[in-house]
Protein backbone atom coordinates (compact mmCIF):
# COMPACT_ATOMS: atom_id res chain seq x y z
CA MET A 1 -0.59 -2.45 -7.00
CA SER A 2 2.57 -4.57 -7.20
CA ALA A 3 4.63 -1.53 -6.17
CA ILE A 4 2.37 -1.01 -3.15
CA VAL A 5 2.49 -4.68 -2.15
CA GLY A 6 6.27 -4.62 -2.56
CA TYR A 7 6.48 -1.59 -0.30
CA LEU A 8 4.26 -3.20 2.33
CA LEU A 9 6.35 -6.38 2.30
CA GLY A 10 9.68 -4.54 2.18
CA GLU A 11 10.45 -6.03 -1.25
CA LYS A 12 11.30 -4.46 -4.60
CA PHE A 13 8.78 -5.68 -7.20
CA THR A 14 8.97 -2.65 -9.53
CA ASP A 15 11.51 -0.16 -10.85
CA PRO A 16 11.27 2.47 -9.58
CA GLU A 17 10.04 1.10 -6.29
CA ILE A 18 7.97 2.91 -3.70
CA ALA A 19 10.27 4.04 -0.91
CA GLU A 20 7.62 5.63 1.30
CA LEU A 21 3.84 5.96 1.54
CA ALA A 22 1.74 8.32 3.64
CA ILE A 23 -1.91 9.21 3.98
CA THR A 24 -2.82 12.88 4.04
CA SER A 25 -5.41 14.32 6.38
CA ASP A 26 -7.86 14.56 3.46
CA GLY A 27 -7.56 10.85 2.59
CA PHE A 28 -5.06 10.76 -0.26
CA VAL A 29 -2.24 8.24 -0.43
CA MET A 30 1.03 9.93 -1.35
CA GLY A 31 4.17 8.12 -2.41
CA ARG A 32 7.87 8.71 -2.75
CA VAL A 33 9.85 6.65 -5.22
CA GLY A 34 13.48 5.58 -5.02
CA ASP A 35 15.87 8.50 -4.84
CA ASP A 36 13.15 11.17 -5.08
CA ILE A 37 12.98 13.91 -2.49
CA GLY A 38 9.54 14.33 -0.97
CA MET A 39 6.19 12.69 -1.57
CA ASN A 40 5.68 13.77 -5.17
CA ASP A 41 3.24 11.13 -6.41
CA ILE A 42 -0.46 10.81 -5.69
CA VAL A 43 -1.13 7.08 -5.54
CA GLY A 44 -4.88 7.47 -5.08
CA THR A 45 -7.34 7.71 -2.23
CA VAL A 46 -7.45 5.57 0.88
CA SER A 47 -10.78 4.14 -0.28
CA ASP A 48 -9.18 3.18 -3.64
CA LEU A 49 -6.28 1.51 -1.85
CA GLU A 50 -8.54 -0.44 0.48
CA ARG A 51 -10.86 -1.52 -2.34
CA ASN A 52 -7.88 -2.62 -4.45
CA TRP A 53 -6.34 -4.48 -1.50
CA GLY A 54 -9.60 -6.37 -1.01
CA SER A 55 -9.83 -7.14 -4.74
CA LEU A 56 -6.24 -8.40 -4.73
CA LEU A 57 -6.97 -10.74 -1.84
CA ASP A 58 -10.17 -11.93 -3.54
CA ALA A 59 -8.22 -12.69 -6.74
CA ALA A 60 -5.58 -14.57 -4.74
CA ASP A 61 -8.28 -17.04 -3.67
CA LEU A 62 -6.93 -17.28 -0.13
CA ASN A 63 -8.36 -19.67 2.41
CA ASP A 64 -9.85 -18.27 5.65
CA VAL A 65 -6.59 -18.49 7.62
CA GLU A 66 -4.54 -16.85 4.85
CA ARG A 67 -7.14 -14.11 4.41
CA ALA A 68 -7.19 -13.37 8.13
CA ALA A 69 -3.38 -13.18 8.16
CA ALA A 70 -3.39 -10.81 5.16
CA ASP A 71 -6.05 -8.61 6.77
CA THR A 72 -4.11 -8.51 10.05
CA PHE A 73 -0.90 -7.63 8.20
CA TYR A 74 -2.65 -4.83 6.28
CA SER A 75 -4.25 -3.40 9.42
CA ARG A 76 -0.79 -3.15 11.03
CA VAL A 77 0.86 -1.32 8.14
CA LYS A 78 -1.92 0.90 6.81
CA ASP A 79 -1.55 3.75 9.29
CA TRP A 80 0.91 5.91 7.41
CA ARG A 81 0.30 9.57 8.22
CA LEU A 82 1.95 12.77 7.10
CA SER A 83 3.16 14.90 9.98
C-alpha cells in the first residue's frame, strides 16, 4: 500500500517504486515498476484497492476535513485506464 500511496502522491516510498498504474476493463489494477517495460504486475482488483484505501484512511484517524480532502484527492487520481 505504501508503494501505491507513493505513486498517487508522486513520491518514492519503496524500492522499486510504482511508475505507473492502470485499471483494466475487467477491474484489475495493473502496475509498472521502475525501469520495467509494460504493466507486468497485477496489484489487485479495484475493489481491493478501494477497500484498502478506506482502511488506510480509517487507520490514519483523520478528522472530517482531512478525510474529505483525502477522498477528493483519491477520486481525482483513481481513473487510470488502459487504452
